[in-house]
Amino acid sequence: MLIKALLPGMQERKFGRIINITSAMVKSPHPLMGLSTSARAGLTAFSKGISKQVAIDNVTINNLLPERFDTDRQNFMTKMLMETKKISREEARAEITSTIAAKRFGDPTEFGATCVFLCSQQASFISGQNIQLDGGSYEGLI
């Protein structure tokens, strides 16, 4: 509803940027996150369809698909792992990051920089895309 409400003004001004923050699970669903992933996949499909209609007006719509950024969510997941396995914070973080190709959490400033770029004039030819921000962990080609 927010996208639909804001698009006419963006089209009239001949400039607009919409960045949806979804999840890497849109491309790699996890069985425990089915409801969340379904809603995010729906937003992704909706945005792709509309992006084709508004591109002529210099309005872009893209999706950021983050996974494992060093945020409060990862602090929560670290604490859960510490309690479950009775291990230290360092051991829990090492276990989590061992599943990431880059072997580290993403830095929130990296996420912000990607978002800033997609909002810029330099990214005006990028629309309807899903930008994976996962430290290289996604195993698919597309």
C-alpha atoms as a PDB file:
ATOM      1  CA  MET A   1       0.000   0.000   0.000  1.00  0.00           C
ATOM      2  CA  LEU A   2       2.890   2.344   0.777  1.00  0.00           C
ATOM      3  CA  ILE A   3       4.491   1.696  -2.613  1.00  0.00           C
ATOM      4  CA  LYS A   4       1.209   2.278  -4.421  1.00  0.00           C
ATOM      5  CA  ALA A   5       0.641   5.503  -2.479  1.00  0.00           C
ATOM      6  CA  LEU A   6       4.089   6.946  -3.237  1.00  0.00           C
ATOM      7  CA  LEU A   7       4.568   5.881  -6.855  1.00  0.00           C
ATOM      8  CA  PRO A   8       2.369   8.529  -8.515  1.00  0.00           C
ATOM      9  CA  GLY A   9       4.398  11.390  -6.988  1.00  0.00           C
ATOM     10  CA  MET A  10       7.667   9.732  -7.966  1.00  0.00           C
ATOM     11  CA  GLN A  11       6.424   9.226 -11.511  1.00  0.00           C
ATOM     12  CA  GLU A  12       5.269  12.831 -11.722  1.00  0.00           C
ATOM     13  CA  ARG A  13       8.689  14.088 -10.555  1.00  0.00           C
ATOM     14  CA  LYS A  14      10.431  11.646 -12.938  1.00  0.00           C
ATOM     15  CA  PHE A  15      12.599  10.341 -10.120  1.00  0.00           C
ATOM     16  CA  GLY A  16      12.142   7.802  -7.379  1.00  0.00           C
ATOM     17  CA  ARG A  17      13.891   4.997  -5.585  1.00  0.00           C
ATOM     18  CA  ILE A  18      12.223   2.209  -3.654  1.00  0.00           C
ATOM     19  CA  ILE A  19      14.404  -0.266  -1.793  1.00  0.00           C
ATOM     20  CA  ASN A  20      12.688  -3.206  -0.127  1.00  0.00           C
ATOM     21  CA  ILE A  21      14.654  -4.957   2.593  1.00  0.00           C
ATOM     22  CA  THR A  22      13.592  -8.560   2.407  1.00  0.00           C
ATOM     23  CA  SER A  23      15.852 -11.514   3.183  1.00  0.00           C
ATOM     24  CA  ALA A  24      18.288 -13.933   1.569  1.00  0.00           C
ATOM     25  CA  MET A  25      15.656 -16.548   2.363  1.00  0.00           C
ATOM     26  CA  VAL A  26      13.613 -15.274  -0.580  1.00  0.00           C
ATOM     27  CA  LYS A  27      16.082 -17.237  -2.739  1.00  0.00           C
ATOM     28  CA  SER A  28      17.027 -19.889  -0.175  1.00  0.00           C
ATOM     29  CA  PRO A  29      13.993 -20.614   2.015  1.00  0.00           C
ATOM     30  CA  HIS A  30      14.455 -22.217   5.410  1.00  0.00           C
ATOM     31  CA  PRO A  31      11.693 -24.535   6.637  1.00  0.00           C
ATOM     32  CA  LEU A  32      11.381 -22.746   9.997  1.00  0.00           C
ATOM     33  CA  MET A  33      10.843 -19.378   8.319  1.00  0.00           C
ATOM     34  CA  GLY A  34       8.052 -20.347   5.919  1.00  0.00           C
ATOM     35  CA  LEU A  35       5.514 -17.659   6.799  1.00  0.00           C
ATOM     36  CA  SER A  36       8.055 -14.841   6.819  1.00  0.00           C
ATOM     37  CA  THR A  37       9.663 -16.020   3.597  1.00  0.00           C
ATOM     38  CA  SER A  38       6.299 -16.322   1.865  1.00  0.00           C
ATOM     39  CA  ALA A  39       5.391 -12.717   2.645  1.00  0.00           C
ATOM     40  CA  ARG A  40       8.809 -11.481   1.521  1.00  0.00           C
ATOM     41  CA  ALA A  41       8.640 -13.508  -1.694  1.00  0.00           C
ATOM     42  CA  GLY A  42       5.238 -11.958  -2.399  1.00  0.00           C
ATOM     43  CA  LEU A  43       6.676  -8.454  -1.942  1.00  0.00           C
ATOM     44  CA  THR A  44       9.571  -9.396  -4.229  1.00  0.00           C
ATOM     45  CA  ALA A  45       7.229 -10.573  -7.005  1.00  0.00           C
ATOM     46  CA  PHE A  46       4.921  -7.563  -6.621  1.00  0.00           C
ATOM     47  CA  SER A  47       7.887  -5.178  -6.812  1.00  0.00           C
ATOM     48  CA  LYS A  48       9.316  -6.850  -9.898  1.00  0.00           C
ATOM     49  CA  GLY A  49       6.010  -6.484 -11.724  1.00  0.00           C
ATOM     50  CA  ILE A  50       5.607  -2.816 -10.865  1.00  0.00           C
ATOM     51  CA  SER A  51       9.274  -2.000 -11.547  1.00  0.00           C
ATOM     52  CA  LYS A  52       8.725  -2.652 -15.243  1.00  0.00           C
ATOM     53  CA  GLN A  53       5.839  -0.189 -15.366  1.00  0.00           C
ATOM     54  CA  VAL A  54       7.636   2.711 -13.683  1.00  0.00           C
ATOM     55  CA  ALA A  55      11.139   2.388 -15.150  1.00  0.00           C
ATOM     56  CA  ILE A  56      10.196   4.773 -17.959  1.00  0.00           C
ATOM     57  CA  ASP A  57       9.677   7.462 -15.284  1.00  0.00           C
ATOM     58  CA  ASN A  58      13.175   7.015 -13.781  1.00  0.00           C
ATOM     59  CA  VAL A  59      11.697   5.199 -10.802  1.00  0.00           C
ATOM     60  CA  THR A  60      13.573   2.113  -9.691  1.00  0.00           C
ATOM     61  CA  ILE A  61      12.429  -0.620  -7.343  1.00  0.00           C
ATOM     62  CA  ASN A  62      14.982  -3.074  -5.999  1.00  0.00           C
ATOM     63  CA  ASN A  63      15.221  -5.566  -3.168  1.00  0.00           C
ATOM     64  CA  LEU A  64      18.093  -6.044  -0.752  1.00  0.00           C
ATOM     65  CA  LEU A  65      18.378  -9.641   0.431  1.00  0.00           C
ATOM     66  CA  PRO A  66      20.603  -9.543   3.532  1.00  0.00           C
ATOM     67  CA  GLU A  67      21.797 -12.430   5.626  1.00  0.00           C
ATOM     68  CA  ARG A  68      23.930 -12.529   8.756  1.00  0.00           C
ATOM     69  CA  PHE A  69      24.704  -8.877   9.411  1.00  0.00           C
ATOM     70  CA  ASP A  70      26.191  -7.948  12.772  1.00  0.00           C
ATOM     71  CA  THR A  71      22.965  -6.607  14.270  1.00  0.00           C
ATOM     72  CA  ASP A  72      20.794  -7.173  17.315  1.00  0.00           C
ATOM     73  CA  ARG A  73      19.322 -10.215  15.544  1.00  0.00           C
ATOM     74  CA  GLN A  74      22.742 -11.871  15.373  1.00  0.00           C
ATOM     75  CA  ASN A  75      23.389 -10.965  19.012  1.00  0.00           C
ATOM     76  CA  PHE A  76      20.125 -12.749  19.869  1.00  0.00           C
ATOM     77  CA  MET A  77      21.083 -15.788  17.760  1.00  0.00           C
ATOM     78  CA  THR A  78      24.531 -15.839  19.400  1.00  0.00           C
ATOM     79  CA  LYS A  79      22.986 -15.804  22.877  1.00  0.00           C
ATOM     80  CA  MET A  80      20.612 -18.633  21.950  1.00  0.00           C
ATOM     81  CA  LEU A  81      23.519 -20.735  20.673  1.00  0.00           C
ATOM     82  CA  MET A  82      25.577 -19.958  23.794  1.00  0.00           C
ATOM     83  CA  GLU A  83      22.744 -21.118  26.043  1.00  0.00           C
ATOM     84  CA  THR A  84      21.869 -24.164  23.968  1.00  0.00           C
ATOM     85  CA  LYS A  85      25.437 -25.438  23.571  1.00  0.00           C
ATOM     86  CA  LYS A  86      26.917 -23.984  26.770  1.00  0.00           C
ATOM     87  CA  ILE A  87      29.702 -22.270  24.826  1.00  0.00           C
ATOM     88  CA  SER A  88      31.345 -18.847  24.970  1.00  0.00           C
ATOM     89  CA  ARG A  89      30.267 -15.850  22.917  1.00  0.00           C
ATOM     90  CA  GLU A  90      33.398 -16.153  20.774  1.00  0.00           C
ATOM     91  CA  GLU A  91      32.743 -19.842  20.136  1.00  0.00           C
ATOM     92  CA  ALA A  92      29.114 -19.157  19.226  1.00  0.00           C
ATOM     93  CA  ARG A  93      30.036 -16.342  16.824  1.00  0.00           C
ATOM     94  CA  ALA A  94      32.740 -18.523  15.261  1.00  0.00           C
ATOM     95  CA  GLU A  95      30.234 -21.327  14.744  1.00  0.00           C
ATOM     96  CA  ILE A  96      27.738 -18.997  13.099  1.00  0.00           C
ATOM     97  CA  THR A  97      30.282 -17.276  10.874  1.00  0.00           C
ATOM     98  CA  SER A  98      31.735 -20.623   9.790  1.00  0.00           C
ATOM     99  CA  THR A  99      28.562 -21.044   7.702  1.00  0.00           C
ATOM    100  CA  ILE A 100      29.213 -17.777   5.827  1.00  0.00           C
ATOM    101  CA  ALA A 101      31.513 -17.906   2.777  1.00  0.00           C
ATOM    102  CA  ALA A 102      33.277 -14.693   3.901  1.00  0.00           C
ATOM    103  CA  LYS A 103      33.705 -16.218   7.396  1.00  0.00           C
ATOM    104  CA  ARG A 104      32.444 -13.049   9.061  1.00  0.00           C
ATOM    105  CA  PHE A 105      29.251 -11.158   9.749  1.00  0.00           C
ATOM    106  CA  GLY A 106      28.317  -8.370   7.398  1.00  0.00           C
ATOM    107  CA  ASP A 107      28.959  -4.875   8.665  1.00  0.00           C
ATOM    108  CA  PRO A 108      25.807  -2.715   8.737  1.00  0.00           C
ATOM    109  CA  THR A 109      27.762   0.058   6.995  1.00  0.00           C
ATOM    110  CA  GLU A 110      28.238  -2.289   4.019  1.00  0.00           C
ATOM    111  CA  PHE A 111      24.492  -2.724   3.876  1.00  0.00           C
ATOM    112  CA  GLY A 112      23.960   1.031   4.102  1.00  0.00           C
ATOM    113  CA  ALA A 113      26.463   1.731   1.340  1.00  0.00           C
ATOM    114  CA  THR A 114      24.682  -0.669  -0.993  1.00  0.00           C
ATOM    115  CA  CYS A 115      21.365   0.995  -0.247  1.00  0.00           C
ATOM    116  CA  VAL A 116      22.859   4.456  -0.837  1.00  0.00           C
ATOM    117  CA  PHE A 117      24.231   3.340  -4.202  1.00  0.00           C
ATOM    118  CA  LEU A 118      20.872   1.935  -5.302  1.00  0.00           C
ATOM    119  CA  CYS A 119      19.264   5.274  -4.394  1.00  0.00           C
ATOM    120  CA  SER A 120      21.763   7.236  -6.467  1.00  0.00           C
ATOM    121  CA  GLN A 121      21.535   8.543 -10.003  1.00  0.00           C
ATOM    122  CA  GLN A 122      24.392   6.167 -10.898  1.00  0.00           C
ATOM    123  CA  ALA A 123      22.074   3.216 -10.268  1.00  0.00           C
ATOM    124  CA  SER A 124      19.267   4.520 -12.497  1.00  0.00           C
ATOM    125  CA  PHE A 125      19.596   1.550 -14.864  1.00  0.00           C
ATOM    126  CA  ILE A 126      19.278  -1.026 -12.066  1.00  0.00           C
ATOM    127  CA  SER A 127      15.664  -1.899 -11.382  1.00  0.00           C
ATOM    128  CA  GLY A 128      13.635  -4.957 -10.509  1.00  0.00           C
ATOM    129  CA  GLN A 129      16.698  -6.653  -9.048  1.00  0.00           C
ATOM    130  CA  ASN A 130      17.366  -8.732  -5.968  1.00  0.00           C
ATOM    131  CA  ILE A 131      20.731  -7.811  -4.513  1.00  0.00           C
ATOM    132  CA  GLN A 132      22.129 -10.619  -2.390  1.00  0.00           C
ATOM    133  CA  LEU A 133      24.105  -9.345   0.617  1.00  0.00           C
ATOM    134  CA  ASP A 134      25.329 -12.538   2.197  1.00  0.00           C
ATOM    135  CA  GLY A 135      29.122 -12.606   2.078  1.00  0.00           C
ATOM    136  CA  GLY A 136      29.075 -14.862  -0.973  1.00  0.00           C
ATOM    137  CA  SER A 137      27.115 -17.668   0.667  1.00  0.00           C
ATOM    138  CA  TYR A 138      24.305 -18.044  -1.882  1.00  0.00           C
ATOM    139  CA  GLU A 139      24.969 -21.204  -3.840  1.00  0.00           C
ATOM    140  CA  GLY A 140      22.769 -20.560  -6.851  1.00  0.00           C
ATOM    141  CA  LEU A 141      23.565 -18.889 -10.144  1.00  0.00           C
ATOM    142  CA  ILE A 142      20.425 -16.772 -10.448  1.00  0.00           C
END
